[in-house]
PDB file of N, CA and C in Angstrom:
ATOM      1  N   ALA A   1      23.913 -59.751  46.486  1.00  0.00           N
ATOM      2  CA  ALA A   1      24.921 -60.780  46.476  1.00  0.00           C
ATOM      3  C   ALA A   1      24.410 -61.997  45.720  1.00  0.00           C
ATOM      4  N   LEU A   2      25.343 -62.703  45.098  1.00  0.00           N
ATOM      5  CA  LEU A   2      24.986 -63.870  44.301  1.00  0.00           C
ATOM      6  C   LEU A   2      25.002 -65.127  45.176  1.00  0.00           C
ATOM      7  N   SER A   3      24.182 -66.062  44.778  1.00  0.00           N
ATOM      8  CA  SER A   3      24.179 -67.327  45.507  1.00  0.00           C
ATOM      9  C   SER A   3      25.416 -68.122  45.107  1.00  0.00           C
ATOM     10  N   SER A   4      25.683 -69.175  45.828  1.00  0.00           N
ATOM     11  CA  SER A   4      26.888 -69.961  45.557  1.00  0.00           C
ATOM     12  C   SER A   4      26.827 -70.612  44.186  1.00  0.00           C
ATOM     13  N   LYS A   5      25.627 -71.026  43.742  1.00  0.00           N
ATOM     14  CA  LYS A   5      25.495 -71.627  42.407  1.00  0.00           C
ATOM     15  C   LYS A   5      25.795 -70.587  41.332  1.00  0.00           C
ATOM     16  N   GLU A   6      25.271 -69.382  41.520  1.00  0.00           N
ATOM     17  CA  GLU A   6      25.499 -68.307  40.542  1.00  0.00           C
ATOM     18  C   GLU A   6      26.982 -67.925  40.511  1.00  0.00           C
ATOM     19  N   GLN A   7      27.580 -67.880  41.704  1.00  0.00           N
ATOM     20  CA  GLN A   7      29.007 -67.566  41.766  1.00  0.00           C
ATOM     21  C   GLN A   7      29.827 -68.636  41.041  1.00  0.00           C
ATOM     22  N   LYS A   8      29.439 -69.896  41.238  1.00  0.00           N
ATOM     23  CA  LYS A   8      30.154 -70.999  40.597  1.00  0.00           C
ATOM     24  C   LYS A   8      30.012 -70.913  39.081  1.00  0.00           C
ATOM     25  N   LYS A   9      28.770 -70.612  38.589  1.00  0.00           N
ATOM     26  CA  LYS A   9      28.547 -70.475  37.141  1.00  0.00           C
ATOM     27  C   LYS A   9      29.348 -69.301  36.584  1.00  0.00           C
ATOM     28  N   ALA A  10      29.341 -68.186  37.314  1.00  0.00           N
ATOM     29  CA  ALA A  10      30.095 -67.011  36.864  1.00  0.00           C
ATOM     30  C   ALA A  10      31.588 -67.323  36.816  1.00  0.00           C
ATOM     31  N   MET A  11      32.049 -68.068  37.825  1.00  0.00           N
ATOM     32  CA  MET A  11      33.459 -68.434  37.867  1.00  0.00           C
ATOM     33  C   MET A  11      33.808 -69.353  36.696  1.00  0.00           C
ATOM     34  N   GLU A  12      32.956 -70.340  36.394  1.00  0.00           N
ATOM     35  CA  GLU A  12      33.199 -71.237  35.264  1.00  0.00           C
ATOM     36  C   GLU A  12      33.165 -70.483  33.948  1.00  0.00           C
ATOM     37  N   LYS A  13      32.201 -69.536  33.841  1.00  0.00           N
ATOM     38  CA  LYS A  13      32.111 -68.731  32.621  1.00  0.00           C
ATOM     39  C   LYS A  13      33.384 -67.900  32.442  1.00  0.00           C
ATOM     40  N   ARG A  14      33.838 -67.308  33.530  1.00  0.00           N
ATOM     41  CA  ARG A  14      35.071 -66.499  33.466  1.00  0.00           C
ATOM     42  C   ARG A  14      36.265 -67.378  33.099  1.00  0.00           C
ATOM     43  N   GLN A  15      36.287 -68.596  33.666  1.00  0.00           N
ATOM     44  CA  GLN A  15      37.373 -69.534  33.371  1.00  0.00           C
ATOM     45  C   GLN A  15      37.385 -69.893  31.883  1.00  0.00           C
ATOM     46  N   LYS A  16      36.191 -70.158  31.334  1.00  0.00           N
ATOM     47  CA  LYS A  16      36.090 -70.484  29.908  1.00  0.00           C
ATOM     48  C   LYS A  16      36.534 -69.308  29.046  1.00  0.00           C
ATOM     49  N   GLU A  17      36.156 -68.102  29.443  1.00  0.00           N
ATOM     50  CA  GLU A  17      36.585 -66.904  28.696  1.00  0.00           C
ATOM     51  C   GLU A  17      38.106 -66.779  28.722  1.00  0.00           C
ATOM     52  N   LEU A  18      38.694 -67.017  29.888  1.00  0.00           N
ATOM     53  CA  LEU A  18      40.151 -66.926  30.004  1.00  0.00           C
ATOM     54  C   LEU A  18      40.837 -67.987  29.140  1.00  0.00           C
ATOM     55  N   GLU A  19      40.275 -69.213  29.122  1.00  0.00           N
ATOM     56  CA  GLU A  19      40.849 -70.274  28.294  1.00  0.00           C
ATOM     57  C   GLU A  19      40.741 -69.930  26.813  1.00  0.00           C
ATOM     58  N   ALA A  20      39.577 -69.391  26.404  1.00  0.00           N
ATOM     59  CA  ALA A  20      39.404 -68.996  25.002  1.00  0.00           C
ATOM     60  C   ALA A  20      40.379 -67.885  24.634  1.00  0.00           C
ATOM     61  N   GLN A  21      40.564 -66.932  25.544  1.00  0.00           N
ATOM     62  CA  GLN A  21      41.502 -65.836  25.290  1.00  0.00           C
ATOM     63  C   GLN A  21      42.934 -66.370  25.188  1.00  0.00           C
ATOM     64  N   LYS A  22      43.262 -67.325  26.061  1.00  0.00           N
ATOM     65  CA  LYS A  22      44.595 -67.911  26.035  1.00  0.00           C
ATOM     66  C   LYS A  22      44.831 -68.664  24.722  1.00  0.00           C
ATOM     67  N   LYS A  23      43.811 -69.407  24.259  1.00  0.00           N
ATOM     68  CA  LYS A  23      43.925 -70.113  22.977  1.00  0.00           C
ATOM     69  C   LYS A  23      44.140 -69.137  21.833  1.00  0.00           C
ATOM     70  N   ALA A  24      43.387 -68.030  21.853  1.00  0.00           N
ATOM     71  CA  ALA A  24      43.529 -67.024  20.802  1.00  0.00           C
ATOM     72  C   ALA A  24      44.934 -66.424  20.825  1.00  0.00           C
ATOM     73  N   GLN A  25      45.448 -66.169  22.014  1.00  0.00           N
ATOM     74  CA  GLN A  25      46.803 -65.626  22.124  1.00  0.00           C
ATOM     75  C   GLN A  25      47.833 -66.623  21.607  1.00  0.00           C
ATOM     76  N   MET A  26      47.639 -67.899  21.919  1.00  0.00           N
ATOM     77  CA  MET A  26      48.570 -68.922  21.435  1.00  0.00           C
ATOM     78  C   MET A  26      48.531 -69.024  19.914  1.00  0.00           C
ATOM     79  N   LYS A  27      47.319 -68.947  19.346  1.00  0.00           N
ATOM     80  CA  LYS A  27      47.204 -68.981  17.888  1.00  0.00           C
ATOM     81  C   LYS A  27      47.919 -67.792  17.258  1.00  0.00           C
ATOM     82  N   GLU A  28      47.710 -66.614  17.845  1.00  0.00           N
ATOM     83  CA  GLU A  28      48.355 -65.405  17.322  1.00  0.00           C
ATOM     84  C   GLU A  28      49.875 -65.520  17.438  1.00  0.00           C
ATOM     85  N   LEU A  29      50.348 -66.045  18.566  1.00  0.00           N
ATOM     86  CA  LEU A  29      51.783 -66.216  18.762  1.00  0.00           C
ATOM     87  C   LEU A  29      52.361 -67.192  17.740  1.00  0.00           C
ATOM     88  N   GLU A  30      51.649 -68.277  17.498  1.00  0.00           N
ATOM     89  CA  GLU A  30      52.107 -69.268  16.519  1.00  0.00           C
ATOM     90  C   GLU A  30      52.123 -68.671  15.111  1.00  0.00           C
ATOM     91  N   ARG A  31      51.091 -67.884  14.786  1.00  0.00           N
ATOM     92  CA  ARG A  31      51.034 -67.238  13.474  1.00  0.00           C
ATOM     93  C   ARG A  31      52.212 -66.284  13.294  1.00  0.00           C
ATOM     94  N   ARG A  32      52.506 -65.504  14.328  1.00  0.00           N
ATOM     95  CA  ARG A  32      53.644 -64.570  14.250  1.00  0.00           C
ATOM     96  C   ARG A  32      54.962 -65.320  14.125  1.00  0.00           C
ATOM     97  N   ARG A  33      55.066 -66.444  14.849  1.00  0.00           N
ATOM     98  CA  ARG A  33      56.287 -67.242  14.790  1.00  0.00           C
ATOM     99  C   ARG A  33      56.501 -67.781  13.378  1.00  0.00           C
ATOM    100  N   LYS A  34      55.417 -68.237  12.753  1.00  0.00           N
ATOM    101  CA  LYS A  34      55.520 -68.749  11.387  1.00  0.00           C
ATOM    102  C   LYS A  34      55.927 -67.649  10.422  1.00  0.00           C
ATOM    103  N   LEU A  35      55.328 -66.456  10.583  1.00  0.00           N
ATOM    104  CA  LEU A  35      55.694 -65.340   9.702  1.00  0.00           C
ATOM    105  C   LEU A  35      57.152 -64.953   9.890  1.00  0.00           C
ATOM    106  N   ALA A  36      57.607 -64.955  11.142  1.00  0.00           N
ATOM    107  CA  ALA A  36      59.009 -64.609  11.402  1.00  0.00           C
ATOM    108  C   ALA A  36      59.939 -65.643  10.769  1.00  0.00           C
ATOM    109  N   ALA A  37      59.581 -66.913  10.874  1.00  0.00           N
ATOM    110  CA  ALA A  37      60.412 -67.962  10.275  1.00  0.00           C
ATOM    111  C   ALA A  37      60.413 -67.816   8.760  1.00  0.00           C
ATOM    112  N   LYS A  38      59.271 -67.479   8.203  1.00  0.00           N
ATOM    113  CA  LYS A  38      59.187 -67.288   6.749  1.00  0.00           C
ATOM    114  C   LYS A  38      60.071 -66.117   6.318  1.00  0.00           C
ATOM    115  N   GLY A  39      60.051 -65.036   7.077  1.00  0.00           N
ATOM    116  CA  GLY A  39      60.886 -63.873   6.762  1.00  0.00           C
ATOM    117  C   GLY A  39      62.359 -64.202   6.867  1.00  0.00           C
ATOM    118  N   ARG A  40      62.720 -64.986   7.885  1.00  0.00           N
ATOM    119  CA  ARG A  40      64.132 -65.370   8.031  1.00  0.00           C
ATOM    120  C   ARG A  40      64.587 -66.226   6.868  1.00  0.00           C
ATOM    121  N   SER A  41      63.744 -67.164   6.452  1.00  0.00           N
ATOM    122  CA  SER A  41      64.162 -68.033   5.351  1.00  0.00           C
ATOM    123  C   SER A  41      64.270 -67.241   4.054  1.00  0.00           C
ATOM    124  N   ARG A  42      63.397 -66.261   3.877  1.00  0.00           N
ATOM    125  CA  ARG A  42      63.446 -65.446   2.667  1.00  0.00           C
ATOM    126  C   ARG A  42      64.734 -64.638   2.651  1.00  0.00           C
ATOM    127  N   SER A  43      65.084 -64.031   3.788  1.00  0.00           N
ATOM    128  CA  SER A  43      66.302 -63.229   3.805  1.00  0.00           C
ATOM    129  C   SER A  43      67.534 -64.120   3.647  1.00  0.00           C
ATOM    130  N   ALA A  44      67.484 -65.330   4.186  1.00  0.00           N
ATOM    131  CA  ALA A  44      68.622 -66.240   4.025  1.00  0.00           C
ATOM    132  C   ALA A  44      68.779 -66.639   2.563  1.00  0.00           C
ATOM    133  N   SER A  45      67.659 -66.870   1.869  1.00  0.00           N
ATOM    134  CA  SER A  45      67.766 -67.237   0.460  1.00  0.00           C
ATOM    135  C   SER A  45      68.249 -66.056  -0.371  1.00  0.00           C
ATOM    136  N   GLN A  46      67.851 -64.851   0.023  1.00  0.00           N
ATOM    137  CA  GLN A  46      68.341 -63.681  -0.702  1.00  0.00           C
ATOM    138  C   GLN A  46      69.842 -63.533  -0.498  1.00  0.00           C
ATOM    139  N   MET A  47      70.299 -63.806   0.716  1.00  0.00           N
ATOM    140  CA  MET A  47      71.736 -63.719   0.964  1.00  0.00           C
ATOM    141  C   MET A  47      72.476 -64.728   0.112  1.00  0.00           C
ATOM    142  N   ARG A  48      71.908 -65.913  -0.048  1.00  0.00           N
ATOM    143  CA  ARG A  48      72.571 -66.935  -0.848  1.00  0.00           C
ATOM    144  C   ARG A  48      72.580 -66.564  -2.322  1.00  0.00           C
ATOM    145  N   SER A  49      71.498 -65.934  -2.806  1.00  0.00           N
ATOM    146  CA  SER A  49      71.414 -65.668  -4.237  1.00  0.00           C
ATOM    147  C   SER A  49      72.315 -64.516  -4.662  1.00  0.00           C
ATOM    148  N   ASP A  50      72.482 -63.522  -3.783  1.00  0.00           N
ATOM    149  CA  ASP A  50      73.254 -62.375  -4.238  1.00  0.00           C
ATOM    150  C   ASP A  50      74.708 -62.417  -3.797  1.00  0.00           C
ATOM    151  N   GLY A  51      75.075 -63.305  -2.941  1.00  0.00           N
ATOM    152  CA  GLY A  51      76.456 -63.328  -2.492  1.00  0.00           C
ATOM    153  C   GLY A  51      76.771 -64.658  -1.863  1.00  0.00           C
ATOM    154  N   GLY A  52      77.724 -64.628  -0.957  1.00  0.00           N
ATOM    155  CA  GLY A  52      78.095 -65.852  -0.299  1.00  0.00           C
ATOM    156  C   GLY A  52      78.942 -66.760  -1.166  1.00  0.00           C
ATOM    157  N   LYS A  53      79.448 -66.247  -2.290  1.00  0.00           N
ATOM    158  CA  LYS A  53      80.238 -67.085  -3.187  1.00  0.00           C
ATOM    159  C   LYS A  53      81.716 -66.746  -3.101  1.00  0.00           C
ATOM    160  N   GLY A  54      82.062 -65.866  -2.225  1.00  0.00           N
ATOM    161  CA  GLY A  54      83.463 -65.525  -2.098  1.00  0.00           C
ATOM    162  C   GLY A  54      83.801 -64.312  -2.935  1.00  0.00           C
ATOM    163  N   PRO A  55      85.070 -63.929  -2.928  1.00  0.00           N
ATOM    164  CA  PRO A  55      85.476 -62.745  -3.673  1.00  0.00           C
ATOM    165  C   PRO A  55      85.357 -62.947  -5.179  1.00  0.00           C
ATOM    166  N   PHE A  56      84.757 -61.997  -5.851  1.00  0.00           N
ATOM    167  CA  PHE A  56      84.601 -61.981  -7.316  1.00  0.00           C
ATOM    168  C   PHE A  56      83.777 -63.159  -7.831  1.00  0.00           C
ATOM    169  N   GLY A  57      83.010 -63.817  -6.977  1.00  0.00           N
ATOM    170  CA  GLY A  57      82.203 -64.950  -7.424  1.00  0.00           C
ATOM    171  C   GLY A  57      83.036 -66.127  -7.882  1.00  0.00           C
ATOM    172  N   ILE A  58      84.234 -66.286  -7.321  1.00  0.00           N
ATOM    173  CA  ILE A  58      85.161 -67.326  -7.775  1.00  0.00           C
ATOM    174  C   ILE A  58      84.583 -68.718  -7.558  1.00  0.00           C
ATOM    175  N   PHE A  59      83.760 -68.882  -6.522  1.00  0.00           N
ATOM    176  CA  PHE A  59      83.294 -70.213  -6.179  1.00  0.00           C
ATOM    177  C   PHE A  59      82.091 -70.660  -6.995  1.00  0.00           C
ATOM    178  N   SER A  60      81.676 -69.855  -7.947  1.00  0.00           N
ATOM    179  CA  SER A  60      80.667 -70.327  -8.889  1.00  0.00           C
ATOM    180  C   SER A  60      81.394 -70.810 -10.139  1.00  0.00           C
ATOM    181  N   PHE A  61      80.730 -71.608 -10.937  1.00  0.00           N
ATOM    182  CA  PHE A  61      81.367 -72.150 -12.134  1.00  0.00           C
ATOM    183  C   PHE A  61      81.719 -71.031 -13.108  1.00  0.00           C
ATOM    184  N   LYS A  62      80.783 -70.088 -13.308  1.00  0.00           N
ATOM    185  CA  LYS A  62      81.050 -68.995 -14.249  1.00  0.00           C
ATOM    186  C   LYS A  62      82.205 -68.127 -13.764  1.00  0.00           C
ATOM    187  N   GLY A  63      82.251 -67.862 -12.444  1.00  0.00           N
ATOM    188  CA  GLY A  63      83.344 -67.054 -11.907  1.00  0.00           C
ATOM    189  C   GLY A  63      84.681 -67.735 -12.080  1.00  0.00           C
ATOM    190  N   LEU A  64      84.698 -69.030 -11.828  1.00  0.00           N
ATOM    191  CA  LEU A  64      85.937 -69.792 -11.991  1.00  0.00           C
ATOM    192  C   LEU A  64      86.378 -69.810 -13.451  1.00  0.00           C
ATOM    193  N   LEU A  65      85.429 -69.984 -14.359  1.00  0.00           N
ATOM    194  CA  LEU A  65      85.737 -69.995 -15.781  1.00  0.00           C
ATOM    195  C   LEU A  65      86.286 -68.636 -16.232  1.00  0.00           C
ATOM    196  N   LEU A  66      85.643 -67.566 -15.810  1.00  0.00           N
ATOM    197  CA  LEU A  66      86.095 -66.221 -16.178  1.00  0.00           C
ATOM    198  C   LEU A  66      87.497 -65.952 -15.644  1.00  0.00           C
ATOM    199  N   LEU A  67      87.718 -66.307 -14.387  1.00  0.00           N
ATOM    200  CA  LEU A  67      89.041 -66.102 -13.800  1.00  0.00           C
ATOM    201  C   LEU A  67      90.102 -66.924 -14.527  1.00  0.00           C
ATOM    202  N   SER A  68      89.751 -68.142 -14.927  1.00  0.00           N
ATOM    203  CA  SER A  68      90.698 -68.983 -15.663  1.00  0.00           C
ATOM    204  C   SER A  68      91.048 -68.377 -17.012  1.00  0.00           C
ATOM    205  N   VAL A  69      90.043 -67.888 -17.727  1.00  0.00           N
ATOM    206  CA  VAL A  69      90.280 -67.289 -19.050  1.00  0.00           C
ATOM    207  C   VAL A  69      91.147 -66.042 -18.908  1.00  0.00           C
ATOM    208  N   ILE A  70      90.841 -65.199 -17.924  1.00  0.00           N
ATOM    209  CA  ILE A  70      91.646 -63.982 -17.731  1.00  0.00           C
ATOM    210  C   ILE A  70      93.074 -64.356 -17.346  1.00  0.00           C
ATOM    211  N   GLY A  71      93.231 -65.365 -16.495  1.00  0.00           N
ATOM    212  CA  GLY A  71      94.577 -65.807 -16.113  1.00  0.00           C
ATOM    213  C   GLY A  71      95.362 -66.330 -17.305  1.00  0.00           C
ATOM    214  N   TYR A  72      94.701 -67.119 -18.149  1.00  0.00           N
ATOM    215  CA  TYR A  72      95.374 -67.639 -19.344  1.00  0.00           C
ATOM    216  C   TYR A  72      95.781 -66.497 -20.267  1.00  0.00           C
ATOM    217  N   LEU A  73      94.853 -65.557 -20.487  1.00  0.00           N
ATOM    218  CA  LEU A  73      95.182 -64.434 -21.362  1.00  0.00           C
ATOM    219  C   LEU A  73      96.330 -63.606 -20.789  1.00  0.00           C
ATOM    220  N   TYR A  74      96.370 -63.449 -19.474  1.00  0.00           N
ATOM    221  CA  TYR A  74      97.435 -62.659 -18.869  1.00  0.00           C
ATOM    222  C   TYR A  74      98.781 -63.355 -19.031  1.00  0.00           C
ATOM    223  N   VAL A  75      98.795 -64.665 -18.847  1.00  0.00           N
ATOM    224  CA  VAL A  75     100.063 -65.398 -18.919  1.00  0.00           C
ATOM    225  C   VAL A  75     100.476 -65.647 -20.359  1.00  0.00           C
ATOM    226  N   GLY A  76      99.527 -66.117 -21.194  1.00  0.00           N
ATOM    227  CA  GLY A  76      99.919 -66.568 -22.526  1.00  0.00           C
ATOM    228  C   GLY A  76      99.672 -65.565 -23.635  1.00  0.00           C
ATOM    229  N   GLN A  77      98.653 -64.759 -23.507  1.00  0.00           N
ATOM    230  CA  GLN A  77      98.268 -63.856 -24.597  1.00  0.00           C
ATOM    231  C   GLN A  77      98.077 -62.433 -24.063  1.00  0.00           C
ATOM    232  N   ARG A  78      99.088 -61.899 -23.442  1.00  0.00           N
ATOM    233  CA  ARG A  78      98.965 -60.597 -22.781  1.00  0.00           C
ATOM    234  C   ARG A  78      98.562 -59.496 -23.765  1.00  0.00           C
ATOM    235  N   GLU A  79      99.081 -59.551 -24.982  1.00  0.00           N
ATOM    236  CA  GLU A  79      98.752 -58.532 -25.978  1.00  0.00           C
ATOM    237  C   GLU A  79      97.262 -58.562 -26.315  1.00  0.00           C
ATOM    238  N   LEU A  80      96.737 -59.768 -26.483  1.00  0.00           N
ATOM    239  CA  LEU A  80      95.314 -59.916 -26.771  1.00  0.00           C
ATOM    240  C   LEU A  80      94.473 -59.412 -25.599  1.00  0.00           C
ATOM    241  N   LEU A  81      94.886 -59.710 -24.373  1.00  0.00           N
ATOM    242  CA  LEU A  81      94.165 -59.237 -23.197  1.00  0.00           C
ATOM    243  C   LEU A  81      94.143 -57.715 -23.158  1.00  0.00           C
ATOM    244  N   LEU A  82      95.278 -57.089 -23.409  1.00  0.00           N
ATOM    245  CA  LEU A  82      95.326 -55.629 -23.413  1.00  0.00           C
ATOM    246  C   LEU A  82      94.446 -55.062 -24.519  1.00  0.00           C
ATOM    247  N   THR A  83      94.444 -55.712 -25.685  1.00  0.00           N
ATOM    248  CA  THR A  83      93.597 -55.268 -26.785  1.00  0.00           C
ATOM    249  C   THR A  83      92.123 -55.377 -26.406  1.00  0.00           C
ATOM    250  N   LEU A  84      91.758 -56.511 -25.791  1.00  0.00           N
ATOM    251  CA  LEU A  84      90.360 -56.727 -25.422  1.00  0.00           C
ATOM    252  C   LEU A  84      89.891 -55.778 -24.324  1.00  0.00           C
ATOM    253  N   THR A  85      90.789 -55.391 -23.421  1.00  0.00           N
ATOM    254  CA  THR A  85      90.369 -54.535 -22.318  1.00  0.00           C
ATOM    255  C   THR A  85      90.580 -53.053 -22.611  1.00  0.00           C
ATOM    256  N   LEU A  86      91.667 -52.708 -23.299  1.00  0.00           N
ATOM    257  CA  LEU A  86      91.950 -51.293 -23.511  1.00  0.00           C
ATOM    258  C   LEU A  86      91.060 -50.657 -24.574  1.00  0.00           C
ATOM    259  N   LYS A  87      90.740 -51.387 -25.633  1.00  0.00           N
ATOM    260  CA  LYS A  87      89.920 -50.803 -26.695  1.00  0.00           C
ATOM    261  C   LYS A  87      88.569 -50.325 -26.182  1.00  0.00           C
ATOM    262  N   PRO A  88      87.823 -51.139 -25.451  1.00  0.00           N
ATOM    263  CA  PRO A  88      86.540 -50.636 -24.940  1.00  0.00           C
ATOM    264  C   PRO A  88      86.699 -49.477 -23.954  1.00  0.00           C
ATOM    265  N   ILE A  89      87.756 -49.529 -23.128  1.00  0.00           N
ATOM    266  CA  ILE A  89      87.972 -48.441 -22.171  1.00  0.00           C
ATOM    267  C   ILE A  89      88.310 -47.153 -22.910  1.00  0.00           C
ATOM    268  N   LEU A  90      89.200 -47.245 -23.894  1.00  0.00           N
ATOM    269  CA  LEU A  90      89.558 -46.046 -24.654  1.00  0.00           C
ATOM    270  C   LEU A  90      88.360 -45.517 -25.442  1.00  0.00           C
ATOM    271  N   PHE A  91      87.549 -46.414 -25.978  1.00  0.00           N
ATOM    272  CA  PHE A  91      86.347 -45.996 -26.704  1.00  0.00           C
ATOM    273  C   PHE A  91      85.396 -45.245 -25.765  1.00  0.00           C
ATOM    274  N   ALA A  92      85.214 -45.775 -24.555  1.00  0.00           N
ATOM    275  CA  ALA A  92      84.324 -45.124 -23.588  1.00  0.00           C
ATOM    276  C   ALA A  92      84.867 -43.758 -23.184  1.00  0.00           C
ATOM    277  N   LEU A  93      86.179 -43.673 -22.982  1.00  0.00           N
ATOM    278  CA  LEU A  93      86.771 -42.379 -22.626  1.00  0.00           C
ATOM    279  C   LEU A  93      86.624 -41.365 -23.760  1.00  0.00           C
ATOM    280  N   ARG A  94      86.801 -41.829 -25.004  1.00  0.00           N
ATOM    281  CA  ARG A  94      86.657 -40.939 -26.147  1.00  0.00           C
ATOM    282  C   ARG A  94      85.219 -40.425 -26.250  1.00  0.00           C
ATOM    283  N   MET A  95      84.251 -41.323 -26.033  1.00  0.00           N
ATOM    284  CA  MET A  95      82.840 -40.913 -26.078  1.00  0.00           C
ATOM    285  C   MET A  95      82.528 -39.912 -24.967  1.00  0.00           C
ATOM    286  N   MET A  96      83.063 -40.172 -23.762  1.00  0.00           N
ATOM    287  CA  MET A  96      82.830 -39.226 -22.657  1.00  0.00           C
ATOM    288  C   MET A  96      83.428 -37.867 -22.985  1.00  0.00           C
ATOM    289  N   TRP A  97      84.614 -37.845 -23.575  1.00  0.00           N
ATOM    290  CA  TRP A  97      85.237 -36.588 -23.944  1.00  0.00           C
ATOM    291  C   TRP A  97      84.398 -35.867 -24.988  1.00  0.00           C
ATOM    292  N   THR A  98      83.964 -36.607 -26.019  1.00  0.00           N
ATOM    293  CA  THR A  98      83.216 -35.999 -27.115  1.00  0.00           C
ATOM    294  C   THR A  98      81.851 -35.492 -26.651  1.00  0.00           C
ATOM    295  N   LEU A  99      81.155 -36.284 -25.863  1.00  0.00           N
ATOM    296  CA  LEU A  99      79.777 -35.946 -25.516  1.00  0.00           C
ATOM    297  C   LEU A  99      79.648 -35.082 -24.272  1.00  0.00           C
ATOM    298  N   ALA A 100      80.582 -35.172 -23.340  1.00  0.00           N
ATOM    299  CA  ALA A 100      80.394 -34.464 -22.078  1.00  0.00           C
ATOM    300  C   ALA A 100      81.441 -33.381 -21.830  1.00  0.00           C
ATOM    301  N   PHE A 101      82.695 -33.761 -21.826  1.00  0.00           N
ATOM    302  CA  PHE A 101      83.718 -32.819 -21.391  1.00  0.00           C
ATOM    303  C   PHE A 101      84.071 -31.768 -22.436  1.00  0.00           C
ATOM    304  N   LYS A 102      84.153 -32.147 -23.683  1.00  0.00           N
ATOM    305  CA  LYS A 102      84.532 -31.207 -24.739  1.00  0.00           C
ATOM    306  C   LYS A 102      83.540 -30.043 -24.828  1.00  0.00           C
ATOM    307  N   PRO A 103      82.227 -30.293 -24.842  1.00  0.00           N
ATOM    308  CA  PRO A 103      81.302 -29.159 -24.867  1.00  0.00           C
ATOM    309  C   PRO A 103      81.421 -28.266 -23.634  1.00  0.00           C
ATOM    310  N   LEU A 104      81.685 -28.862 -22.471  1.00  0.00           N
ATOM    311  CA  LEU A 104      81.847 -28.049 -21.264  1.00  0.00           C
ATOM    312  C   LEU A 104      83.098 -27.177 -21.346  1.00  0.00           C
ATOM    313  N   VAL A 105      84.187 -27.763 -21.854  1.00  0.00           N
ATOM    314  CA  VAL A 105      85.430 -26.988 -21.981  1.00  0.00           C
ATOM    315  C   VAL A 105      85.231 -25.857 -22.995  1.00  0.00           C
ATOM    316  N   ARG A 106      84.549 -26.136 -24.113  1.00  0.00           N
ATOM    317  CA  ARG A 106      84.289 -25.092 -25.119  1.00  0.00           C
ATOM    318  C   ARG A 106      83.428 -23.989 -24.525  1.00  0.00           C
ATOM    319  N   MET A 107      82.407 -24.370 -23.763  1.00  0.00           N
ATOM    320  CA  MET A 107      81.526 -23.380 -23.168  1.00  0.00           C
ATOM    321  C   MET A 107      82.293 -22.520 -22.150  1.00  0.00           C
ATOM    322  N   PHE A 108      83.163 -23.152 -21.355  1.00  0.00           N
ATOM    323  CA  PHE A 108      83.937 -22.445 -20.386  1.00  0.00           C
ATOM    324  C   PHE A 108      84.915 -21.483 -21.070  1.00  0.00           C
ATOM    325  N   LEU A 109      85.587 -21.953 -22.149  1.00  0.00           N
ATOM    326  CA  LEU A 109      86.536 -21.107 -22.839  1.00  0.00           C
ATOM    327  C   LEU A 109      85.854 -19.961 -23.579  1.00  0.00           C
ATOM    328  N   SER A 110      84.683 -20.217 -24.150  1.00  0.00           N
ATOM    329  CA  SER A 110      83.984 -19.143 -24.865  1.00  0.00           C
ATOM    330  C   SER A 110      83.446 -18.100 -23.898  1.00  0.00           C
ATOM    331  N   SER A 111      83.084 -18.483 -22.697  1.00  0.00           N
ATOM    332  CA  SER A 111      82.594 -17.500 -21.727  1.00  0.00           C
ATOM    333  C   SER A 111      83.739 -16.670 -21.187  1.00  0.00           C
ATOM    334  N   LYS A 112      84.942 -17.232 -21.081  1.00  0.00           N
ATOM    335  CA  LYS A 112      86.124 -16.492 -20.634  1.00  0.00           C
ATOM    336  C   LYS A 112      86.557 -15.462 -21.665  1.00  0.00           C
ATOM    337  N   GLY A 113      86.512 -15.895 -22.924  1.00  0.00           N
ATOM    338  CA  GLY A 113      87.032 -15.029 -23.982  1.00  0.00           C
ATOM    339  C   GLY A 113      86.075 -13.890 -24.312  1.00  0.00           C
ATOM    340  N   GLY A 114      84.775 -14.080 -24.090  1.00  0.00           N
ATOM    341  CA  GLY A 114      83.816 -13.083 -24.513  1.00  0.00           C
ATOM    342  C   GLY A 114      83.430 -12.190 -23.447  1.00  0.00           C
TER     343      GLY A 114
END
């Protein structure tokens, strides 16, 4: 058995160990809290950068400008708007037909006939 002085020293030593452990836990908790806050702010900034501007990005200056130009072309210059939008679409469809679908149709028809 330990004497009362030894017991007191052991108790103080244990108390100091517990306090040191508690400090370490608090530091770790604070570090995790900071990392979590950093992660939240990063995700919030990502949300702001990729969206949050409303439908079609109307609430940005570029979105508003684009919508205004399209609206003007639709109201005042409908023929020009159709020319500007239909030509690229028809060109893309023609390229898809030439490069993808036409060879497949030819291959399918030649395999049927032969």
